Amino acid sequence: MVRANLKGVFPTYKTLKDGTRRTYWYHRATGQSLRGNPGSPEFIADYAAAEKTIRDRHAGTLNSLIREYTLSVEFDEKLATSTQAEYKRMLTKAETEFGNMPVAVLDDPRVKRDFLDWREKIARASGQREADNRLSAISAMLSWATDRGKITTNHLKGFKRLYSVDRSENIWLPEHIGAFMKVAPIEMQRALILALHSGQRQGDLLRLA
């Protein structure tokens, strides 16, 4: 059987009279049932038909652009899993507000005002950091779309953020590093050296061999 890695599907299960358990697959976005099992010809054909329904429904809109972006190699393989989850969450919020916006509108410089007005509403309701992060997710998608030639420019690129924080008290000065090195176990010393000179996040450092 051909192996397939298809997103946006989910299974349901039913126990038959003879006691066997059968799995039924569905396309998440449309609810359409999918014949066979993942990787089978009939499953792939039904999945392709369901995806085409989504593409046809949202063709030429921001919804379609978001879907293309979240299914792209750049999104799936270049972003951390946690970043993917956050981007999907925030882009879903953007779909509610701008989903039916024609892609052609994104080339109009005035679209920036629409996004900034939306950010202001989010800032008042959910805080400035959340508002900035939602705009950052949209900007990342627009940069991807620009590189792909789907739009001509990203009008949100380099937007001025609302949220800022003073981290000056969190900076380690040379005397702090020296004091730490005198008393810390060798494993912690190595960890600090890696953090200082690589600039990697804690999660990335923890995954190092």
N, C-alpha and C. Protein backbone atom coordinates (compact mmCIF):
# COMPACT_ATOMS: atom_id res chain seq x y z
N MET A 1 0.84 -1.20 0.00
CA MET A 1 0.00 0.00 0.00
C MET A 1 0.88 1.24 0.00
N VAL A 2 0.51 2.22 -0.78
CA VAL A 2 1.24 3.47 -0.83
C VAL A 2 1.05 4.22 0.49
N ARG A 3 2.14 4.70 1.04
CA ARG A 3 2.08 5.46 2.29
C ARG A 3 1.76 6.92 1.96
N ALA A 4 0.96 7.54 2.82
CA ALA A 4 0.60 8.94 2.60
C ALA A 4 0.61 9.67 3.92
N ASN A 5 1.03 10.92 3.88
CA ASN A 5 1.04 11.76 5.06
C ASN A 5 0.08 12.92 4.79
N LEU A 6 -1.20 12.67 5.06
CA LEU A 6 -2.24 13.63 4.74
C LEU A 6 -2.73 14.31 6.02
N LYS A 7 -2.83 15.64 5.94
CA LYS A 7 -3.28 16.39 7.09
C LYS A 7 -4.77 16.66 6.96
N GLY A 8 -5.38 17.04 8.09
CA GLY A 8 -6.77 17.46 8.06
C GLY A 8 -7.76 16.33 7.93
N VAL A 9 -7.40 15.13 8.41
CA VAL A 9 -8.34 14.02 8.42
C VAL A 9 -8.46 13.50 9.85
N PHE A 10 -9.56 12.82 10.12
CA PHE A 10 -9.72 12.24 11.46
C PHE A 10 -10.53 10.95 11.35
N PRO A 11 -10.30 10.01 12.27
CA PRO A 11 -11.02 8.74 12.24
C PRO A 11 -12.16 8.69 13.25
N THR A 12 -13.15 7.87 12.97
CA THR A 12 -14.15 7.48 13.96
C THR A 12 -14.17 5.95 13.98
N TYR A 13 -14.67 5.39 15.05
CA TYR A 13 -14.60 3.94 15.21
C TYR A 13 -15.98 3.38 15.55
N LYS A 14 -16.24 2.17 15.03
CA LYS A 14 -17.52 1.51 15.29
C LYS A 14 -17.28 0.02 15.48
N THR A 15 -17.88 -0.52 16.54
CA THR A 15 -17.77 -1.96 16.80
C THR A 15 -18.95 -2.67 16.13
N LEU A 16 -18.63 -3.60 15.24
CA LEU A 16 -19.67 -4.32 14.50
C LEU A 16 -20.26 -5.45 15.34
N LYS A 17 -21.33 -6.05 14.82
CA LYS A 17 -22.02 -7.11 15.57
C LYS A 17 -21.11 -8.29 15.85
N ASP A 18 -20.17 -8.56 14.95
CA ASP A 18 -19.28 -9.71 15.17
C ASP A 18 -18.12 -9.38 16.10
N GLY A 19 -18.12 -8.15 16.65
CA GLY A 19 -17.09 -7.77 17.60
C GLY A 19 -15.88 -7.09 17.00
N THR A 20 -15.78 -7.07 15.69
CA THR A 20 -14.64 -6.40 15.06
C THR A 20 -14.84 -4.89 15.12
N ARG A 21 -13.73 -4.20 15.12
CA ARG A 21 -13.76 -2.74 15.20
C ARG A 21 -13.39 -2.17 13.84
N ARG A 22 -14.24 -1.31 13.30
CA ARG A 22 -13.99 -0.72 11.99
C ARG A 22 -13.70 0.77 12.14
N THR A 23 -12.77 1.25 11.31
CA THR A 23 -12.38 2.66 11.33
C THR A 23 -12.95 3.35 10.10
N TYR A 24 -13.55 4.51 10.33
CA TYR A 24 -14.07 5.33 9.25
C TYR A 24 -13.34 6.67 9.26
N TRP A 25 -12.89 7.10 8.10
CA TRP A 25 -12.11 8.32 8.00
C TRP A 25 -12.94 9.45 7.38
N TYR A 26 -12.64 10.69 7.86
CA TYR A 26 -13.36 11.87 7.38
C TYR A 26 -12.38 13.02 7.13
N HIS A 27 -12.75 13.85 6.19
CA HIS A 27 -11.99 15.08 5.92
C HIS A 27 -12.47 16.14 6.90
N ARG A 28 -11.53 16.69 7.68
CA ARG A 28 -11.92 17.55 8.80
C ARG A 28 -12.66 18.81 8.35
N ALA A 29 -12.14 19.49 7.35
CA ALA A 29 -12.70 20.79 6.96
C ALA A 29 -14.07 20.69 6.33
N THR A 30 -14.32 19.62 5.57
CA THR A 30 -15.59 19.49 4.85
C THR A 30 -16.55 18.49 5.49
N GLY A 31 -16.01 17.58 6.32
CA GLY A 31 -16.85 16.54 6.90
C GLY A 31 -17.14 15.40 5.96
N GLN A 32 -16.55 15.41 4.77
CA GLN A 32 -16.80 14.36 3.79
C GLN A 32 -16.13 13.06 4.23
N SER A 33 -16.83 11.95 4.03
CA SER A 33 -16.27 10.65 4.37
C SER A 33 -15.24 10.24 3.32
N LEU A 34 -14.24 9.50 3.75
CA LEU A 34 -13.15 9.07 2.88
C LEU A 34 -13.14 7.54 2.85
N ARG A 35 -13.23 7.00 1.67
CA ARG A 35 -13.25 5.54 1.54
C ARG A 35 -11.88 4.95 1.81
N GLY A 36 -11.88 3.70 2.24
CA GLY A 36 -10.63 2.97 2.42
C GLY A 36 -9.81 3.48 3.59
N ASN A 37 -8.52 3.17 3.56
CA ASN A 37 -7.59 3.57 4.61
C ASN A 37 -6.55 4.51 4.04
N PRO A 38 -5.92 5.32 4.91
CA PRO A 38 -4.90 6.25 4.42
C PRO A 38 -3.85 5.55 3.57
N GLY A 39 -3.62 6.10 2.39
CA GLY A 39 -2.66 5.52 1.46
C GLY A 39 -3.28 4.72 0.34
N SER A 40 -4.55 4.29 0.53
CA SER A 40 -5.21 3.51 -0.52
C SER A 40 -5.65 4.44 -1.65
N PRO A 41 -5.77 3.93 -2.87
CA PRO A 41 -6.16 4.79 -4.01
C PRO A 41 -7.49 5.50 -3.80
N GLU A 42 -8.49 4.78 -3.26
CA GLU A 42 -9.79 5.42 -3.07
C GLU A 42 -9.74 6.49 -1.98
N PHE A 43 -8.93 6.28 -0.96
CA PHE A 43 -8.79 7.27 0.10
C PHE A 43 -8.16 8.55 -0.46
N ILE A 44 -7.08 8.38 -1.22
CA ILE A 44 -6.38 9.54 -1.79
C ILE A 44 -7.28 10.29 -2.76
N ALA A 45 -8.08 9.55 -3.55
CA ALA A 45 -8.98 10.19 -4.50
C ALA A 45 -10.04 11.01 -3.76
N ASP A 46 -10.63 10.45 -2.70
CA ASP A 46 -11.64 11.17 -1.94
C ASP A 46 -11.03 12.38 -1.23
N TYR A 47 -9.82 12.21 -0.73
CA TYR A 47 -9.14 13.33 -0.05
C TYR A 47 -8.90 14.47 -1.05
N ALA A 48 -8.42 14.12 -2.24
CA ALA A 48 -8.16 15.14 -3.26
C ALA A 48 -9.44 15.87 -3.64
N ALA A 49 -10.54 15.13 -3.73
CA ALA A 49 -11.82 15.76 -4.09
C ALA A 49 -12.28 16.72 -2.99
N ALA A 50 -12.09 16.32 -1.72
CA ALA A 50 -12.47 17.19 -0.60
C ALA A 50 -11.60 18.44 -0.56
N GLU A 51 -10.31 18.28 -0.82
CA GLU A 51 -9.41 19.43 -0.84
C GLU A 51 -9.79 20.39 -1.98
N LYS A 52 -10.18 19.83 -3.11
CA LYS A 52 -10.58 20.68 -4.24
C LYS A 52 -11.83 21.49 -3.88
N THR A 53 -12.73 20.89 -3.11
CA THR A 53 -13.92 21.60 -2.67
C THR A 53 -13.54 22.82 -1.85
N ILE A 54 -12.55 22.65 -0.95
CA ILE A 54 -12.08 23.76 -0.13
C ILE A 54 -11.43 24.83 -1.01
N ARG A 55 -10.58 24.39 -1.93
CA ARG A 55 -9.90 25.36 -2.80
C ARG A 55 -10.89 26.14 -3.64
N ASP A 56 -11.88 25.46 -4.18
CA ASP A 56 -12.88 26.13 -5.02
C ASP A 56 -13.71 27.12 -4.19
N ARG A 57 -14.01 26.73 -2.96
CA ARG A 57 -14.85 27.57 -2.10
C ARG A 57 -14.14 28.87 -1.73
N HIS A 58 -12.83 28.78 -1.49
CA HIS A 58 -12.09 29.95 -1.01
C HIS A 58 -11.11 30.51 -2.04
N ALA A 59 -11.24 30.09 -3.28
CA ALA A 59 -10.28 30.51 -4.30
C ALA A 59 -10.20 32.04 -4.38
N GLY A 60 -8.96 32.54 -4.39
CA GLY A 60 -8.74 33.96 -4.56
C GLY A 60 -8.96 34.80 -3.33
N THR A 61 -9.10 34.16 -2.16
CA THR A 61 -9.34 34.89 -0.92
C THR A 61 -8.19 34.68 0.06
N LEU A 62 -8.21 35.46 1.15
CA LEU A 62 -7.20 35.29 2.19
C LEU A 62 -7.26 33.89 2.78
N ASN A 63 -8.46 33.32 2.86
CA ASN A 63 -8.59 31.96 3.36
C ASN A 63 -7.72 30.98 2.56
N SER A 64 -7.77 31.10 1.24
CA SER A 64 -6.99 30.19 0.41
C SER A 64 -5.50 30.42 0.60
N LEU A 65 -5.10 31.67 0.78
CA LEU A 65 -3.69 31.98 0.98
C LEU A 65 -3.19 31.39 2.30
N ILE A 66 -4.01 31.51 3.35
CA ILE A 66 -3.64 30.93 4.65
C ILE A 66 -3.50 29.42 4.53
N ARG A 67 -4.42 28.81 3.82
CA ARG A 67 -4.38 27.34 3.67
C ARG A 67 -3.13 26.92 2.91
N GLU A 68 -2.80 27.62 1.85
CA GLU A 68 -1.59 27.29 1.09
C GLU A 68 -0.35 27.46 1.96
N TYR A 69 -0.32 28.52 2.73
CA TYR A 69 0.85 28.79 3.57
C TYR A 69 1.04 27.70 4.63
N THR A 70 -0.04 27.32 5.31
CA THR A 70 0.09 26.33 6.39
C THR A 70 0.34 24.92 5.86
N LEU A 71 0.14 24.71 4.56
CA LEU A 71 0.44 23.40 3.96
C LEU A 71 1.79 23.41 3.24
N SER A 72 2.47 24.55 3.25
CA SER A 72 3.73 24.67 2.50
C SER A 72 4.90 23.99 3.23
N VAL A 73 5.94 23.67 2.48
CA VAL A 73 7.15 23.09 3.06
C VAL A 73 7.80 24.06 4.04
N GLU A 74 7.78 25.35 3.69
CA GLU A 74 8.38 26.35 4.57
C GLU A 74 7.72 26.36 5.94
N PHE A 75 6.41 26.19 5.96
CA PHE A 75 5.69 26.17 7.23
C PHE A 75 5.90 24.85 7.95
N ASP A 76 5.78 23.76 7.23
CA ASP A 76 5.78 22.43 7.84
C ASP A 76 7.17 21.99 8.30
N GLU A 77 8.21 22.40 7.59
CA GLU A 77 9.55 21.88 7.90
C GLU A 77 10.51 22.93 8.45
N LYS A 78 10.20 24.20 8.25
CA LYS A 78 11.13 25.25 8.70
C LYS A 78 10.73 25.88 10.03
N LEU A 79 9.50 25.68 10.46
CA LEU A 79 9.04 26.26 11.72
C LEU A 79 8.97 25.20 12.79
N ALA A 80 9.29 25.58 14.03
CA ALA A 80 9.16 24.66 15.15
C ALA A 80 7.69 24.28 15.34
N THR A 81 7.47 23.10 15.90
CA THR A 81 6.10 22.61 16.10
C THR A 81 5.27 23.60 16.92
N SER A 82 5.88 24.16 17.96
CA SER A 82 5.15 25.12 18.80
C SER A 82 4.80 26.38 18.02
N THR A 83 5.72 26.81 17.14
CA THR A 83 5.45 27.99 16.31
C THR A 83 4.32 27.70 15.33
N GLN A 84 4.33 26.53 14.73
CA GLN A 84 3.25 26.15 13.82
C GLN A 84 1.90 26.21 14.51
N ALA A 85 1.83 25.67 15.73
CA ALA A 85 0.56 25.66 16.46
C ALA A 85 0.08 27.08 16.75
N GLU A 86 1.00 27.95 17.16
CA GLU A 86 0.63 29.33 17.47
C GLU A 86 0.20 30.09 16.20
N TYR A 87 0.95 29.89 15.12
CA TYR A 87 0.59 30.55 13.86
C TYR A 87 -0.79 30.10 13.39
N LYS A 88 -1.06 28.81 13.48
CA LYS A 88 -2.36 28.32 13.05
C LYS A 88 -3.48 28.91 13.91
N ARG A 89 -3.23 29.00 15.21
CA ARG A 89 -4.23 29.59 16.10
C ARG A 89 -4.51 31.04 15.71
N MET A 90 -3.44 31.81 15.50
CA MET A 90 -3.61 33.23 15.21
C MET A 90 -4.16 33.48 13.81
N LEU A 91 -3.76 32.65 12.84
CA LEU A 91 -4.27 32.81 11.49
C LEU A 91 -5.75 32.41 11.40
N THR A 92 -6.16 31.48 12.25
CA THR A 92 -7.58 31.13 12.31
C THR A 92 -8.39 32.34 12.78
N LYS A 93 -7.83 33.10 13.74
CA LYS A 93 -8.50 34.33 14.18
C LYS A 93 -8.59 35.34 13.03
N ALA A 94 -7.52 35.42 12.24
CA ALA A 94 -7.52 36.35 11.10
C ALA A 94 -8.54 35.93 10.06
N GLU A 95 -8.73 34.62 9.87
CA GLU A 95 -9.72 34.15 8.91
C GLU A 95 -11.12 34.64 9.27
N THR A 96 -11.42 34.65 10.56
CA THR A 96 -12.74 35.09 11.00
C THR A 96 -13.00 36.54 10.59
N GLU A 97 -11.94 37.36 10.64
CA GLU A 97 -12.08 38.78 10.35
C GLU A 97 -11.91 39.10 8.87
N PHE A 98 -10.93 38.43 8.22
CA PHE A 98 -10.55 38.82 6.86
C PHE A 98 -10.64 37.67 5.85
N GLY A 99 -11.20 36.54 6.24
CA GLY A 99 -11.15 35.34 5.41
C GLY A 99 -11.62 35.53 3.98
N ASN A 100 -12.66 36.33 3.77
CA ASN A 100 -13.22 36.52 2.43
C ASN A 100 -12.57 37.66 1.66
N MET A 101 -11.53 38.27 2.25
CA MET A 101 -10.85 39.37 1.55
C MET A 101 -10.16 38.84 0.30
N PRO A 102 -10.40 39.44 -0.87
CA PRO A 102 -9.71 38.99 -2.10
C PRO A 102 -8.20 39.18 -1.97
N VAL A 103 -7.46 38.23 -2.48
CA VAL A 103 -5.99 38.31 -2.42
C VAL A 103 -5.50 39.59 -3.09
N ALA A 104 -6.18 40.03 -4.14
CA ALA A 104 -5.75 41.23 -4.87
C ALA A 104 -5.72 42.47 -3.97
N VAL A 105 -6.57 42.50 -2.94
CA VAL A 105 -6.62 43.64 -2.03
C VAL A 105 -5.31 43.77 -1.25
N LEU A 106 -4.62 42.66 -1.05
CA LEU A 106 -3.38 42.68 -0.28
C LEU A 106 -2.29 43.51 -0.95
N ASP A 107 -2.43 43.79 -2.22
CA ASP A 107 -1.45 44.63 -2.92
C ASP A 107 -1.75 46.12 -2.77
N ASP A 108 -2.88 46.45 -2.19
CA ASP A 108 -3.24 47.86 -1.97
C ASP A 108 -2.62 48.32 -0.65
N PRO A 109 -1.80 49.37 -0.65
CA PRO A 109 -1.16 49.83 0.58
C PRO A 109 -2.15 50.15 1.70
N ARG A 110 -3.38 50.48 1.32
CA ARG A 110 -4.38 50.84 2.33
C ARG A 110 -4.81 49.66 3.17
N VAL A 111 -4.46 48.44 2.75
CA VAL A 111 -4.84 47.25 3.53
C VAL A 111 -4.14 47.25 4.88
N LYS A 112 -2.99 47.89 4.95
CA LYS A 112 -2.26 47.96 6.23
C LYS A 112 -3.12 48.61 7.31
N ARG A 113 -3.87 49.64 6.93
CA ARG A 113 -4.74 50.32 7.89
C ARG A 113 -5.79 49.37 8.44
N ASP A 114 -6.34 48.52 7.56
CA ASP A 114 -7.34 47.55 8.02
C ASP A 114 -6.76 46.61 9.05
N PHE A 115 -5.54 46.12 8.78
CA PHE A 115 -4.90 45.20 9.72
C PHE A 115 -4.55 45.90 11.03
N LEU A 116 -4.08 47.14 10.95
CA LEU A 116 -3.72 47.88 12.16
C LEU A 116 -4.96 48.22 13.00
N ASP A 117 -6.08 48.54 12.33
CA ASP A 117 -7.32 48.79 13.06
C ASP A 117 -7.77 47.54 13.80
N TRP A 118 -7.62 46.39 13.14
CA TRP A 118 -7.98 45.12 13.77
C TRP A 118 -7.07 44.84 14.95
N ARG A 119 -5.78 45.12 14.78
CA ARG A 119 -4.84 44.91 15.88
C ARG A 119 -5.23 45.74 17.09
N GLU A 120 -5.69 46.97 16.85
CA GLU A 120 -6.07 47.83 17.97
C GLU A 120 -7.23 47.23 18.75
N LYS A 121 -8.20 46.65 18.04
CA LYS A 121 -9.31 46.00 18.73
C LYS A 121 -8.82 44.82 19.56
N ILE A 122 -7.89 44.03 18.99
CA ILE A 122 -7.35 42.88 19.70
C ILE A 122 -6.55 43.34 20.92
N ALA A 123 -5.79 44.42 20.78
CA ALA A 123 -4.99 44.93 21.89
C ALA A 123 -5.87 45.32 23.06
N ARG A 124 -7.02 45.92 22.78
CA ARG A 124 -7.92 46.33 23.86
C ARG A 124 -8.61 45.13 24.50
N ALA A 125 -8.84 44.10 23.71
CA ALA A 125 -9.57 42.94 24.24
C ALA A 125 -8.65 41.88 24.84
N SER A 126 -7.48 41.66 24.21
CA SER A 126 -6.62 40.55 24.62
C SER A 126 -5.19 40.95 24.96
N GLY A 127 -4.88 42.25 24.88
CA GLY A 127 -3.54 42.70 25.23
C GLY A 127 -2.69 43.00 24.01
N GLN A 128 -1.71 43.88 24.22
CA GLN A 128 -0.87 44.33 23.12
C GLN A 128 0.02 43.22 22.57
N ARG A 129 0.53 42.37 23.43
CA ARG A 129 1.42 41.30 22.96
C ARG A 129 0.69 40.35 22.02
N GLU A 130 -0.52 39.94 22.42
CA GLU A 130 -1.31 39.05 21.57
C GLU A 130 -1.62 39.72 20.24
N ALA A 131 -1.96 41.01 20.30
CA ALA A 131 -2.29 41.75 19.08
C ALA A 131 -1.09 41.81 18.14
N ASP A 132 0.09 42.10 18.67
CA ASP A 132 1.31 42.14 17.86
C ASP A 132 1.62 40.77 17.26
N ASN A 133 1.45 39.72 18.07
CA ASN A 133 1.76 38.38 17.60
C ASN A 133 0.85 37.95 16.45
N ARG A 134 -0.40 38.34 16.52
CA ARG A 134 -1.32 38.00 15.43
C ARG A 134 -0.90 38.69 14.13
N LEU A 135 -0.47 39.94 14.26
CA LEU A 135 -0.03 40.67 13.08
C LEU A 135 1.28 40.08 12.55
N SER A 136 2.14 39.60 13.46
CA SER A 136 3.40 38.96 13.03
C SER A 136 3.13 37.69 12.24
N ALA A 137 2.14 36.91 12.66
CA ALA A 137 1.79 35.69 11.93
C ALA A 137 1.30 36.02 10.53
N ILE A 138 0.45 37.04 10.42
CA ILE A 138 -0.04 37.47 9.11
C ILE A 138 1.12 37.97 8.26
N SER A 139 2.02 38.74 8.86
CA SER A 139 3.16 39.28 8.12
C SER A 139 4.05 38.16 7.59
N ALA A 140 4.26 37.13 8.41
CA ALA A 140 5.07 35.99 7.96
C ALA A 140 4.44 35.32 6.75
N MET A 141 3.12 35.18 6.78
CA MET A 141 2.42 34.59 5.65
C MET A 141 2.52 35.47 4.41
N LEU A 142 2.40 36.79 4.59
CA LEU A 142 2.48 37.70 3.46
C LEU A 142 3.88 37.71 2.85
N SER A 143 4.91 37.57 3.68
CA SER A 143 6.28 37.49 3.15
C SER A 143 6.44 36.23 2.31
N TRP A 144 5.87 35.12 2.80
CA TRP A 144 5.90 33.86 2.03
C TRP A 144 5.16 34.06 0.70
N ALA A 145 4.00 34.70 0.75
CA ALA A 145 3.21 34.92 -0.48
C ALA A 145 3.96 35.82 -1.45
N THR A 146 4.70 36.80 -0.94
CA THR A 146 5.48 37.69 -1.80
C THR A 146 6.59 36.92 -2.49
N ASP A 147 7.29 36.08 -1.73
CA ASP A 147 8.36 35.27 -2.32
C ASP A 147 7.84 34.35 -3.41
N ARG A 148 6.60 33.89 -3.23
CA ARG A 148 5.99 32.97 -4.19
C ARG A 148 5.35 33.69 -5.38
N GLY A 149 5.36 35.02 -5.36
CA GLY A 149 4.77 35.77 -6.45
C GLY A 149 3.26 35.83 -6.42
N LYS A 150 2.66 35.49 -5.29
CA LYS A 150 1.21 35.53 -5.18
C LYS A 150 0.71 36.96 -4.93
N ILE A 151 1.52 37.78 -4.28
CA ILE A 151 1.26 39.20 -4.12
C ILE A 151 2.57 39.92 -4.41
N THR A 152 2.51 41.24 -4.58
CA THR A 152 3.72 41.96 -4.98
C THR A 152 4.55 42.45 -3.80
N THR A 153 3.90 42.70 -2.66
CA THR A 153 4.65 43.20 -1.51
C THR A 153 3.92 42.89 -0.22
N ASN A 154 4.66 42.87 0.87
CA ASN A 154 4.11 42.66 2.20
C ASN A 154 4.00 44.03 2.88
N HIS A 155 2.80 44.57 2.94
CA HIS A 155 2.61 45.91 3.50
C HIS A 155 2.72 45.93 5.02
N LEU A 156 2.82 44.75 5.65
CA LEU A 156 2.98 44.70 7.10
C LEU A 156 4.45 44.53 7.51
N LYS A 157 5.32 44.37 6.54
CA LYS A 157 6.72 44.13 6.86
C LYS A 157 7.30 45.28 7.68
N GLY A 158 7.90 44.95 8.83
CA GLY A 158 8.52 45.96 9.68
C GLY A 158 7.53 46.84 10.41
N PHE A 159 6.30 46.37 10.61
CA PHE A 159 5.31 47.20 11.31
C PHE A 159 5.80 47.51 12.74
N LYS A 160 5.42 48.67 13.22
CA LYS A 160 5.83 49.10 14.56
C LYS A 160 4.99 48.39 15.61
N ARG A 161 5.65 47.71 16.53
CA ARG A 161 4.95 46.91 17.53
C ARG A 161 4.43 47.79 18.67
N LEU A 162 3.31 47.38 19.23
CA LEU A 162 2.75 48.06 20.39
C LEU A 162 3.41 47.61 21.68
N TYR A 163 3.71 46.31 21.74
CA TYR A 163 4.19 45.73 22.99
C TYR A 163 5.70 45.85 23.11
N SER A 164 6.15 46.27 24.27
CA SER A 164 7.58 46.31 24.55
C SER A 164 7.79 45.98 26.02
N VAL A 165 8.94 45.46 26.36
CA VAL A 165 9.24 45.09 27.74
C VAL A 165 10.69 45.42 28.04
N ASP A 166 10.95 45.87 29.23
CA ASP A 166 12.31 46.20 29.67
C ASP A 166 12.95 44.95 30.27
N ARG A 167 13.93 44.39 29.55
CA ARG A 167 14.62 43.20 30.02
C ARG A 167 16.02 43.50 30.55
N SER A 168 16.28 44.76 30.84
CA SER A 168 17.63 45.13 31.26
C SER A 168 18.06 44.42 32.54
N GLU A 169 17.08 44.13 33.43
CA GLU A 169 17.44 43.46 34.67
C GLU A 169 17.75 41.98 34.47
N ASN A 170 17.41 41.44 33.28
CA ASN A 170 17.66 40.03 33.01
C ASN A 170 19.00 39.78 32.33
N ILE A 171 19.73 40.84 32.02
CA ILE A 171 21.01 40.69 31.32
C ILE A 171 22.10 40.29 32.30
N TRP A 172 22.89 39.28 31.94
CA TRP A 172 24.00 38.83 32.77
C TRP A 172 25.25 39.63 32.38
N LEU A 173 25.80 40.33 33.35
CA LEU A 173 27.05 41.06 33.15
C LEU A 173 28.23 40.12 33.36
N PRO A 174 29.43 40.51 32.92
CA PRO A 174 30.60 39.64 33.09
C PRO A 174 30.82 39.17 34.52
N GLU A 175 30.56 40.05 35.50
CA GLU A 175 30.76 39.64 36.89
C GLU A 175 29.76 38.57 37.33
N HIS A 176 28.55 38.62 36.75
CA HIS A 176 27.56 37.58 37.06
C HIS A 176 28.00 36.24 36.49
N ILE A 177 28.50 36.27 35.26
CA ILE A 177 28.96 35.04 34.61
C ILE A 177 30.14 34.45 35.37
N GLY A 178 31.08 35.32 35.79
CA GLY A 178 32.24 34.85 36.55
C GLY A 178 31.84 34.21 37.85
N ALA A 179 30.89 34.81 38.56
CA ALA A 179 30.45 34.26 39.83
C ALA A 179 29.78 32.90 39.63
N PHE A 180 29.01 32.78 38.55
CA PHE A 180 28.33 31.51 38.26
C PHE A 180 29.35 30.41 37.96
N MET A 181 30.35 30.73 37.15
CA MET A 181 31.35 29.75 36.75
C MET A 181 32.16 29.22 37.93
N LYS A 182 32.29 30.01 38.99
CA LYS A 182 33.09 29.58 40.15
C LYS A 182 32.41 28.49 40.96
N VAL A 183 31.09 28.45 40.92
CA VAL A 183 30.38 27.53 41.82
C VAL A 183 29.52 26.50 41.08
N ALA A 184 29.22 26.72 39.80
CA ALA A 184 28.30 25.83 39.07
C ALA A 184 28.97 24.52 38.68
N PRO A 185 28.24 23.40 38.65
CA PRO A 185 28.77 22.13 38.13
C PRO A 185 29.20 22.30 36.68
N ILE A 186 30.10 21.43 36.22
CA ILE A 186 30.64 21.56 34.87
C ILE A 186 29.55 21.49 33.81
N GLU A 187 28.50 20.67 34.07
CA GLU A 187 27.42 20.56 33.09
C GLU A 187 26.70 21.89 32.92
N MET A 188 26.49 22.62 34.02
CA MET A 188 25.81 23.90 33.94
C MET A 188 26.72 24.97 33.31
N GLN A 189 28.01 24.85 33.56
CA GLN A 189 28.95 25.78 32.93
C GLN A 189 28.91 25.63 31.41
N ARG A 190 28.91 24.37 30.97
CA ARG A 190 28.86 24.13 29.52
C ARG A 190 27.55 24.66 28.93
N ALA A 191 26.45 24.45 29.68
CA ALA A 191 25.15 24.93 29.19
C ALA A 191 25.15 26.45 29.04
N LEU A 192 25.75 27.13 30.02
CA LEU A 192 25.80 28.59 29.95
C LEU A 192 26.66 29.06 28.77
N ILE A 193 27.78 28.38 28.55
CA ILE A 193 28.65 28.75 27.43
C ILE A 193 27.91 28.59 26.10
N LEU A 194 27.18 27.47 25.98
CA LEU A 194 26.40 27.25 24.75
C LEU A 194 25.35 28.34 24.57
N ALA A 195 24.66 28.69 25.66
CA ALA A 195 23.62 29.71 25.58
C ALA A 195 24.19 31.07 25.20
N LEU A 196 25.35 31.40 25.78
CA LEU A 196 25.96 32.70 25.52
C LEU A 196 26.42 32.86 24.08
N HIS A 197 26.99 31.77 23.53
CA HIS A 197 27.66 31.89 22.24
C HIS A 197 26.84 31.38 21.06
N SER A 198 25.75 30.67 21.34
CA SER A 198 24.92 30.17 20.22
C SER A 198 23.65 30.99 20.04
N GLY A 199 23.17 31.59 21.13
CA GLY A 199 21.93 32.36 21.04
C GLY A 199 20.69 31.50 20.88
N GLN A 200 20.82 30.18 21.11
CA GLN A 200 19.69 29.27 20.94
C GLN A 200 18.72 29.38 22.11
N ARG A 201 17.46 29.01 21.84
CA ARG A 201 16.45 29.00 22.90
C ARG A 201 16.67 27.80 23.82
N GLN A 202 16.05 27.89 25.01
CA GLN A 202 16.23 26.83 26.00
C GLN A 202 15.83 25.46 25.41
N GLY A 203 14.67 25.41 24.73
CA GLY A 203 14.22 24.14 24.18
C GLY A 203 15.21 23.54 23.20
N ASP A 204 15.82 24.40 22.36
CA ASP A 204 16.81 23.91 21.40
C ASP A 204 18.07 23.41 22.10
N LEU A 205 18.47 24.11 23.15
CA LEU A 205 19.66 23.68 23.89
C LEU A 205 19.43 22.34 24.57
N LEU A 206 18.22 22.15 25.09
CA LEU A 206 17.91 20.88 25.80
C LEU A 206 17.93 19.69 24.85
N ARG A 207 17.68 19.93 23.56
CA ARG A 207 17.66 18.83 22.59
C ARG A 207 19.04 18.47 22.06
N LEU A 208 20.04 19.29 22.38
CA LEU A 208 21.39 18.99 21.90
C LEU A 208 21.91 17.68 22.47
N ALA A 209 22.63 16.94 21.65
CA ALA A 209 23.23 15.69 22.14
C ALA A 209 24.35 16.03 23.13
